PDB file of all heavy atoms in Angstrom:
ATOM      1  N   VAL A   1       0.853  -1.193  -0.025  1.00  0.00           N
ATOM      2  CA  VAL A   1       0.002  -0.063   0.007  1.00  0.00           C
ATOM      3  C   VAL A   1       0.880   1.209   0.008  1.00  0.00           C
ATOM      4  O   VAL A   1       1.513   1.590   0.953  1.00  0.00           O
ATOM      5  CB  VAL A   1      -0.955   0.073   1.245  1.00  0.00           C
ATOM      6  CG1 VAL A   1      -1.787   1.303   1.160  1.00  0.00           C
ATOM      7  CG2 VAL A   1      -1.748  -1.177   1.235  1.00  0.00           C
ATOM      8  N   PRO A   2       1.059   1.866  -1.184  1.00  0.00           N
ATOM      9  CA  PRO A   2       1.988   3.037  -1.269  1.00  0.00           C
ATOM     10  C   PRO A   2       1.336   4.305  -0.835  1.00  0.00           C
ATOM     11  O   PRO A   2       0.098   4.424  -0.640  1.00  0.00           O
ATOM     12  CB  PRO A   2       2.334   3.074  -2.758  1.00  0.00           C
ATOM     13  CG  PRO A   2       1.030   2.547  -3.395  1.00  0.00           C
ATOM     14  CD  PRO A   2       0.428   1.568  -2.458  1.00  0.00           C
ATOM     15  N   PRO A   3       2.140   5.298  -0.569  1.00  0.00           N
ATOM     16  CA  PRO A   3       1.604   6.632  -0.320  1.00  0.00           C
ATOM     17  C   PRO A   3       0.999   7.301  -1.598  1.00  0.00           C
ATOM     18  O   PRO A   3       1.141   6.677  -2.698  1.00  0.00           O
ATOM     19  CB  PRO A   3       2.841   7.442   0.188  1.00  0.00           C
ATOM     20  CG  PRO A   3       4.000   6.741  -0.377  1.00  0.00           C
ATOM     21  CD  PRO A   3       3.612   5.272  -0.396  1.00  0.00           C
ATOM     22  N   VAL A   4       0.364   8.384  -1.552  1.00  0.00           N
ATOM     23  CA  VAL A   4      -0.228   9.056  -2.689  1.00  0.00           C
ATOM     24  C   VAL A   4       0.842   9.379  -3.727  1.00  0.00           C
ATOM     25  O   VAL A   4       1.999   9.763  -3.263  1.00  0.00           O
ATOM     26  CB  VAL A   4      -1.035  10.292  -2.219  1.00  0.00           C
ATOM     27  CG1 VAL A   4      -1.442  11.070  -3.498  1.00  0.00           C
ATOM     28  CG2 VAL A   4      -2.194   9.878  -1.377  1.00  0.00           C
ATOM     29  N   GLY A   5       0.501   9.350  -4.936  1.00  0.00           N
ATOM     30  CA  GLY A   5       1.456   9.649  -6.113  1.00  0.00           C
ATOM     31  C   GLY A   5       2.309   8.530  -6.555  1.00  0.00           C
ATOM     32  O   GLY A   5       2.148   7.415  -6.117  1.00  0.00           O
ATOM     33  N   THR A   6       3.049   8.890  -7.589  1.00  0.00           N
ATOM     34  CA  THR A   6       3.920   7.858  -8.240  1.00  0.00           C
ATOM     35  C   THR A   6       5.214   7.457  -7.396  1.00  0.00           C
ATOM     36  O   THR A   6       5.767   8.371  -6.847  1.00  0.00           O
ATOM     37  CB  THR A   6       4.337   8.344  -9.683  1.00  0.00           C
ATOM     38  OG1 THR A   6       3.221   8.615 -10.398  1.00  0.00           O
ATOM     39  CG2 THR A   6       5.265   7.325 -10.328  1.00  0.00           C
ATOM     40  N   GLN A   7       5.409   6.217  -7.397  1.00  0.00           N
ATOM     41  CA  GLN A   7       6.481   5.673  -6.444  1.00  0.00           C
ATOM     42  C   GLN A   7       7.296   4.641  -7.356  1.00  0.00           C
ATOM     43  O   GLN A   7       6.685   3.893  -8.035  1.00  0.00           O
ATOM     44  CB  GLN A   7       6.018   4.947  -5.122  1.00  0.00           C
ATOM     45  CG  GLN A   7       5.009   5.860  -4.304  1.00  0.00           C
ATOM     46  CD  GLN A   7       5.579   7.024  -3.682  1.00  0.00           C
ATOM     47  OE1 GLN A   7       6.830   6.989  -3.383  1.00  0.00           O
ATOM     48  NE2 GLN A   7       4.772   7.966  -3.485  1.00  0.00           N
ATOM     49  N   THR A   8       8.654   4.683  -7.230  1.00  0.00           N
ATOM     50  CA  THR A   8       9.458   3.705  -7.849  1.00  0.00           C
ATOM     51  C   THR A   8      10.245   3.008  -6.896  1.00  0.00           C
ATOM     52  O   THR A   8      10.858   3.649  -6.002  1.00  0.00           O
ATOM     53  CB  THR A   8      10.471   4.437  -8.907  1.00  0.00           C
ATOM     54  OG1 THR A   8       9.614   5.105  -9.885  1.00  0.00           O
ATOM     55  CG2 THR A   8      11.322   3.343  -9.518  1.00  0.00           C
ATOM     56  N   TYR A   9      10.212   1.680  -6.872  1.00  0.00           N
ATOM     57  CA  TYR A   9      10.921   0.808  -5.968  1.00  0.00           C
ATOM     58  C   TYR A   9      11.830  -0.031  -6.676  1.00  0.00           C
ATOM     59  O   TYR A   9      11.550  -0.642  -7.756  1.00  0.00           O
ATOM     60  CB  TYR A   9       9.856  -0.129  -5.178  1.00  0.00           C
ATOM     61  CG  TYR A   9       8.776   0.701  -4.455  1.00  0.00           C
ATOM     62  CD1 TYR A   9       7.490   0.778  -5.048  1.00  0.00           C
ATOM     63  CD2 TYR A   9       9.004   1.290  -3.299  1.00  0.00           C
ATOM     64  CE1 TYR A   9       6.437   1.517  -4.427  1.00  0.00           C
ATOM     65  CE2 TYR A   9       8.027   1.915  -2.486  1.00  0.00           C
ATOM     66  CZ  TYR A   9       6.728   2.061  -3.185  1.00  0.00           C
ATOM     67  OH  TYR A   9       5.754   2.723  -2.530  1.00  0.00           O
ATOM     68  N   SER A  10      13.117  -0.253  -6.099  1.00  0.00           N
ATOM     69  CA  SER A  10      14.061  -1.090  -6.737  1.00  0.00           C
ATOM     70  C   SER A  10      14.385  -2.217  -5.739  1.00  0.00           C
ATOM     71  O   SER A  10      14.660  -2.034  -4.625  1.00  0.00           O
ATOM     72  CB  SER A  10      15.361  -0.323  -7.080  1.00  0.00           C
ATOM     73  OG  SER A  10      15.075   0.734  -8.056  1.00  0.00           O
ATOM     74  N   ASN A  11      14.530  -3.427  -6.252  1.00  0.00           N
ATOM     75  CA  ASN A  11      14.657  -4.670  -5.418  1.00  0.00           C
ATOM     76  C   ASN A  11      15.846  -5.447  -6.052  1.00  0.00           C
ATOM     77  O   ASN A  11      15.896  -5.666  -7.155  1.00  0.00           O
ATOM     78  CB  ASN A  11      13.472  -5.399  -5.327  1.00  0.00           C
ATOM     79  CG  ASN A  11      13.588  -6.737  -4.601  1.00  0.00           C
ATOM     80  OD1 ASN A  11      13.930  -7.732  -5.160  1.00  0.00           O
ATOM     81  ND2 ASN A  11      13.358  -6.636  -3.333  1.00  0.00           N
ATOM     82  N   SER A  12      16.661  -5.877  -4.971  1.00  0.00           N
ATOM     83  CA  SER A  12      17.767  -6.834  -5.332  1.00  0.00           C
ATOM     84  C   SER A  12      17.727  -8.009  -4.232  1.00  0.00           C
ATOM     85  O   SER A  12      17.368  -7.715  -3.112  1.00  0.00           O
ATOM     86  CB  SER A  12      19.068  -6.208  -5.294  1.00  0.00           C
ATOM     87  OG  SER A  12      19.171  -5.224  -6.376  1.00  0.00           O
ATOM     88  N   LEU A  13      18.133  -9.094  -4.588  1.00  0.00           N
ATOM     89  CA  LEU A  13      18.363 -10.176  -3.643  1.00  0.00           C
ATOM     90  C   LEU A  13      19.825 -10.651  -3.809  1.00  0.00           C
ATOM     91  O   LEU A  13      20.440 -10.449  -4.720  1.00  0.00           O
ATOM     92  CB  LEU A  13      17.342 -11.352  -3.750  1.00  0.00           C
ATOM     93  CG  LEU A  13      17.355 -12.227  -4.969  1.00  0.00           C
ATOM     94  CD1 LEU A  13      18.528 -13.102  -5.023  1.00  0.00           C
ATOM     95  CD2 LEU A  13      16.004 -12.982  -4.966  1.00  0.00           C
ATOM     96  N   THR A  14      20.387 -11.394  -2.733  1.00  0.00           N
ATOM     97  CA  THR A  14      21.583 -11.914  -2.799  1.00  0.00           C
ATOM     98  C   THR A  14      21.493 -13.454  -2.640  1.00  0.00           C
ATOM     99  O   THR A  14      20.660 -13.901  -1.951  1.00  0.00           O
ATOM    100  CB  THR A  14      22.514 -11.399  -1.662  1.00  0.00           C
ATOM    101  OG1 THR A  14      21.964 -11.494  -0.413  1.00  0.00           O
ATOM    102  CG2 THR A  14      22.779  -9.774  -1.789  1.00  0.00           C
ATOM    103  N   THR A  15      22.434 -14.121  -3.358  1.00  0.00           N
ATOM    104  CA  THR A  15      22.502 -15.542  -3.303  1.00  0.00           C
ATOM    105  C   THR A  15      23.740 -16.037  -2.953  1.00  0.00           C
ATOM    106  O   THR A  15      24.865 -15.373  -3.366  1.00  0.00           O
ATOM    107  CB  THR A  15      21.874 -16.143  -4.626  1.00  0.00           C
ATOM    108  OG1 THR A  15      21.801 -17.621  -4.550  1.00  0.00           O
ATOM    109  CG2 THR A  15      22.789 -15.840  -5.798  1.00  0.00           C
ATOM    110  N   SER A  16      23.998 -17.205  -2.422  1.00  0.00           N
ATOM    111  CA  SER A  16      25.274 -17.838  -2.303  1.00  0.00           C
ATOM    112  C   SER A  16      25.102 -19.358  -2.348  1.00  0.00           C
ATOM    113  O   SER A  16      24.068 -19.889  -2.216  1.00  0.00           O
ATOM    114  CB  SER A  16      25.920 -17.496  -0.890  1.00  0.00           C
ATOM    115  OG  SER A  16      25.104 -18.067   0.128  1.00  0.00           O
ATOM    116  N   ALA A  17      26.328 -19.985  -2.644  1.00  0.00           N
ATOM    117  CA  ALA A  17      26.260 -21.565  -2.669  1.00  0.00           C
ATOM    118  C   ALA A  17      27.790 -21.920  -2.557  1.00  0.00           C
ATOM    119  O   ALA A  17      28.615 -21.143  -2.750  1.00  0.00           O
ATOM    120  CB  ALA A  17      25.702 -21.952  -4.090  1.00  0.00           C
ATOM    121  N   ALA A  18      27.921 -23.271  -2.276  1.00  0.00           N
ATOM    122  CA  ALA A  18      29.356 -23.736  -2.004  1.00  0.00           C
ATOM    123  C   ALA A  18      29.601 -24.805  -3.076  1.00  0.00           C
ATOM    124  O   ALA A  18      28.717 -25.644  -3.450  1.00  0.00           O
ATOM    125  CB  ALA A  18      29.318 -24.283  -0.711  1.00  0.00           C
ATOM    126  N   GLY A  19      30.797 -24.821  -3.600  1.00  0.00           N
ATOM    127  CA  GLY A  19      31.247 -25.908  -4.484  1.00  0.00           C
ATOM    128  C   GLY A  19      31.439 -27.133  -3.776  1.00  0.00           C
ATOM    129  O   GLY A  19      31.628 -27.222  -2.645  1.00  0.00           O
ATOM    130  N   THR A  20      31.329 -28.227  -4.549  1.00  0.00           N
ATOM    131  CA  THR A  20      31.354 -29.611  -4.029  1.00  0.00           C
ATOM    132  C   THR A  20      32.453 -30.471  -4.485  1.00  0.00           C
ATOM    133  O   THR A  20      32.635 -31.674  -4.101  1.00  0.00           O
ATOM    134  CB  THR A  20      29.977 -30.300  -4.253  1.00  0.00           C
ATOM    135  OG1 THR A  20      29.762 -30.508  -5.643  1.00  0.00           O
ATOM    136  CG2 THR A  20      28.872 -29.533  -3.652  1.00  0.00           C
ATOM    137  N   THR A  21      33.282 -30.003  -5.512  1.00  0.00           N
ATOM    138  CA  THR A  21      34.267 -30.836  -6.134  1.00  0.00           C
ATOM    139  C   THR A  21      35.641 -30.492  -5.745  1.00  0.00           C
ATOM    140  O   THR A  21      36.035 -29.261  -5.792  1.00  0.00           O
ATOM    141  CB  THR A  21      34.187 -30.857  -7.685  1.00  0.00           C
ATOM    142  OG1 THR A  21      32.768 -31.095  -8.019  1.00  0.00           O
ATOM    143  CG2 THR A  21      35.014 -31.725  -8.391  1.00  0.00           C
ATOM    144  N   GLY A  22      36.497 -31.418  -5.409  1.00  0.00           N
ATOM    145  CA  GLY A  22      37.980 -31.247  -5.266  1.00  0.00           C
ATOM    146  C   GLY A  22      38.305 -30.026  -4.325  1.00  0.00           C
ATOM    147  O   GLY A  22      37.677 -29.980  -3.264  1.00  0.00           O
ATOM    148  N   ASN A  23      39.176 -29.242  -4.791  1.00  0.00           N
ATOM    149  CA  ASN A  23      39.681 -28.094  -4.003  1.00  0.00           C
ATOM    150  C   ASN A  23      38.608 -26.997  -3.959  1.00  0.00           C
ATOM    151  O   ASN A  23      38.791 -25.974  -3.209  1.00  0.00           O
ATOM    152  CB  ASN A  23      40.978 -27.553  -4.506  1.00  0.00           C
ATOM    153  CG  ASN A  23      40.819 -27.078  -5.950  1.00  0.00           C
ATOM    154  OD1 ASN A  23      39.715 -27.061  -6.550  1.00  0.00           O
ATOM    155  ND2 ASN A  23      41.998 -26.632  -6.465  1.00  0.00           N
ATOM    156  N   ALA A  24      37.461 -27.083  -4.577  1.00  0.00           N
ATOM    157  CA  ALA A  24      36.451 -26.110  -4.513  1.00  0.00           C
ATOM    158  C   ALA A  24      35.360 -26.629  -3.437  1.00  0.00           C
ATOM    159  O   ALA A  24      34.388 -25.858  -3.231  1.00  0.00           O
ATOM    160  CB  ALA A  24      35.685 -25.957  -5.784  1.00  0.00           C
ATOM    161  N   ASN A  25      35.608 -27.716  -2.832  1.00  0.00           N
ATOM    162  CA  ASN A  25      34.671 -28.311  -1.868  1.00  0.00           C
ATOM    163  C   ASN A  25      34.512 -27.230  -0.650  1.00  0.00           C
ATOM    164  O   ASN A  25      35.552 -27.124   0.022  1.00  0.00           O
ATOM    165  CB  ASN A  25      35.092 -29.679  -1.390  1.00  0.00           C
ATOM    166  CG  ASN A  25      34.087 -30.347  -0.483  1.00  0.00           C
ATOM    167  OD1 ASN A  25      32.912 -29.974  -0.544  1.00  0.00           O
ATOM    168  ND2 ASN A  25      34.517 -31.280   0.249  1.00  0.00           N
ATOM    169  N   GLY A  26      33.372 -26.674  -0.547  1.00  0.00           N
ATOM    170  CA  GLY A  26      33.107 -25.795   0.443  1.00  0.00           C
ATOM    171  C   GLY A  26      33.496 -24.264   0.117  1.00  0.00           C
ATOM    172  O   GLY A  26      33.151 -23.348   0.888  1.00  0.00           O
ATOM    173  N   ALA A  27      34.188 -24.057  -1.020  1.00  0.00           N
ATOM    174  CA  ALA A  27      34.385 -22.656  -1.475  1.00  0.00           C
ATOM    175  C   ALA A  27      33.061 -22.002  -1.833  1.00  0.00           C
ATOM    176  O   ALA A  27      32.142 -22.621  -2.484  1.00  0.00           O
ATOM    177  CB  ALA A  27      35.280 -22.783  -2.590  1.00  0.00           C
ATOM    178  N   VAL A  28      32.784 -20.747  -1.344  1.00  0.00           N
ATOM    179  CA  VAL A  28      31.538 -20.146  -1.554  1.00  0.00           C
ATOM    180  C   VAL A  28      31.587 -19.116  -2.639  1.00  0.00           C
ATOM    181  O   VAL A  28      32.514 -18.357  -2.833  1.00  0.00           O
ATOM    182  CB  VAL A  28      31.160 -19.340  -0.214  1.00  0.00           C
ATOM    183  CG1 VAL A  28      29.859 -18.562  -0.362  1.00  0.00           C
ATOM    184  CG2 VAL A  28      31.087 -20.467   0.859  1.00  0.00           C
ATOM    185  N   ALA A  29      30.480 -19.121  -3.468  1.00  0.00           N
ATOM    186  CA  ALA A  29      30.233 -18.158  -4.560  1.00  0.00           C
ATOM    187  C   ALA A  29      29.157 -17.377  -4.139  1.00  0.00           C
ATOM    188  O   ALA A  29      28.091 -17.856  -3.507  1.00  0.00           O
ATOM    189  CB  ALA A  29      30.025 -18.931  -5.847  1.00  0.00           C
ATOM    190  N   ASN A  30      29.091 -16.056  -4.586  1.00  0.00           N
ATOM    191  CA  ASN A  30      27.986 -15.189  -4.225  1.00  0.00           C
ATOM    192  C   ASN A  30      27.614 -14.349  -5.523  1.00  0.00           C
ATOM    193  O   ASN A  30      28.355 -14.206  -6.449  1.00  0.00           O
ATOM    194  CB  ASN A  30      28.478 -14.175  -3.180  1.00  0.00           C
ATOM    195  CG  ASN A  30      28.784 -14.816  -1.889  1.00  0.00           C
ATOM    196  OD1 ASN A  30      28.011 -15.225  -1.178  1.00  0.00           O
ATOM    197  ND2 ASN A  30      30.189 -14.903  -1.761  1.00  0.00           N
ATOM    198  N   ASP A  31      26.394 -13.803  -5.553  1.00  0.00           N
ATOM    199  CA  ASP A  31      25.934 -12.820  -6.557  1.00  0.00           C
ATOM    200  C   ASP A  31      24.792 -12.107  -6.049  1.00  0.00           C
ATOM    201  O   ASP A  31      23.982 -12.479  -5.145  1.00  0.00           O
ATOM    202  CB  ASP A  31      25.515 -13.752  -7.742  1.00  0.00           C
ATOM    203  CG  ASP A  31      25.143 -12.799  -8.934  1.00  0.00           C
ATOM    204  OD1 ASP A  31      25.923 -11.820  -9.118  1.00  0.00           O
ATOM    205  OD2 ASP A  31      24.242 -13.172  -9.739  1.00  0.00           O
ATOM    206  N   THR A  32      24.660 -10.888  -6.658  1.00  0.00           N
ATOM    207  CA  THR A  32      23.498 -10.033  -6.475  1.00  0.00           C
ATOM    208  C   THR A  32      22.659 -10.046  -7.763  1.00  0.00           C
ATOM    209  O   THR A  32      23.201 -10.047  -8.796  1.00  0.00           O
ATOM    210  CB  THR A  32      23.968  -8.666  -6.122  1.00  0.00           C
ATOM    211  OG1 THR A  32      24.716  -8.534  -4.907  1.00  0.00           O
ATOM    212  CG2 THR A  32      22.723  -7.656  -5.909  1.00  0.00           C
ATOM    213  N   SER A  33      21.345 -10.120  -7.538  1.00  0.00           N
ATOM    214  CA  SER A  33      20.480 -10.346  -8.628  1.00  0.00           C
ATOM    215  C   SER A  33      20.581  -9.305  -9.771  1.00  0.00           C
ATOM    216  O   SER A  33      20.828  -8.165  -9.445  1.00  0.00           O
ATOM    217  CB  SER A  33      19.006 -10.563  -8.159  1.00  0.00           C
ATOM    218  OG  SER A  33      18.517  -9.365  -7.597  1.00  0.00           O
ATOM    219  N   ASN A  34      20.280  -9.686 -10.959  1.00  0.00           N
ATOM    220  CA  ASN A  34      20.195  -8.787 -12.091  1.00  0.00           C
ATOM    221  C   ASN A  34      18.848  -8.580 -12.543  1.00  0.00           C
ATOM    222  O   ASN A  34      18.054  -9.583 -12.479  1.00  0.00           O
ATOM    223  CB  ASN A  34      21.139  -9.210 -13.208  1.00  0.00           C
ATOM    224  CG  ASN A  34      21.282  -8.322 -14.336  1.00  0.00           C
ATOM    225  OD1 ASN A  34      21.723  -7.220 -14.174  1.00  0.00           O
ATOM    226  ND2 ASN A  34      20.939  -8.641 -15.562  1.00  0.00           N
ATOM    227  N   ASN A  35      18.452  -7.458 -13.011  1.00  0.00           N
ATOM    228  CA  ASN A  35      17.161  -7.186 -13.561  1.00  0.00           C
ATOM    229  C   ASN A  35      16.892  -8.044 -14.801  1.00  0.00           C
ATOM    230  O   ASN A  35      17.619  -8.008 -15.752  1.00  0.00           O
ATOM    231  CB  ASN A  35      16.939  -5.828 -13.941  1.00  0.00           C
ATOM    232  CG  ASN A  35      15.485  -5.432 -14.408  1.00  0.00           C
ATOM    233  OD1 ASN A  35      14.534  -6.089 -14.009  1.00  0.00           O
ATOM    234  ND2 ASN A  35      15.420  -4.443 -15.232  1.00  0.00           N
ATOM    235  N   GLY A  36      15.761  -8.807 -14.735  1.00  0.00           N
ATOM    236  CA  GLY A  36      15.471  -9.600 -15.932  1.00  0.00           C
ATOM    237  C   GLY A  36      15.470 -11.111 -15.551  1.00  0.00           C
ATOM    238  O   GLY A  36      15.468 -11.439 -14.445  1.00  0.00           O
ATOM    239  N   ALA A  37      15.461 -11.873 -16.712  1.00  0.00           N
ATOM    240  CA  ALA A  37      15.433 -13.369 -16.338  1.00  0.00           C
ATOM    241  C   ALA A  37      16.841 -14.065 -16.629  1.00  0.00           C
ATOM    242  O   ALA A  37      16.881 -15.259 -16.370  1.00  0.00           O
ATOM    243  CB  ALA A  37      14.444 -14.017 -17.406  1.00  0.00           C
ATOM    244  N   ASN A  38      17.899 -13.206 -16.969  1.00  0.00           N
ATOM    245  CA  ASN A  38      19.069 -13.741 -17.304  1.00  0.00           C
ATOM    246  C   ASN A  38      20.164 -13.046 -16.305  1.00  0.00           C
ATOM    247  O   ASN A  38      20.430 -11.943 -16.255  1.00  0.00           O
ATOM    248  CB  ASN A  38      19.533 -13.443 -18.693  1.00  0.00           C
ATOM    249  CG  ASN A  38      20.764 -14.018 -19.158  1.00  0.00           C
ATOM    250  OD1 ASN A  38      21.545 -14.626 -18.327  1.00  0.00           O
ATOM    251  ND2 ASN A  38      21.158 -13.935 -20.403  1.00  0.00           N
TER     252      ASN A  38
END
């Protein structure tokens, strides 16, 4: 429920995951979301 008038909102999420193979086992990768489906 926004206040009166035009409002613009920008949203990002963050994600992380750990590798499972060899010397990457447990190494963490991160990313912040990009606008769109790609």
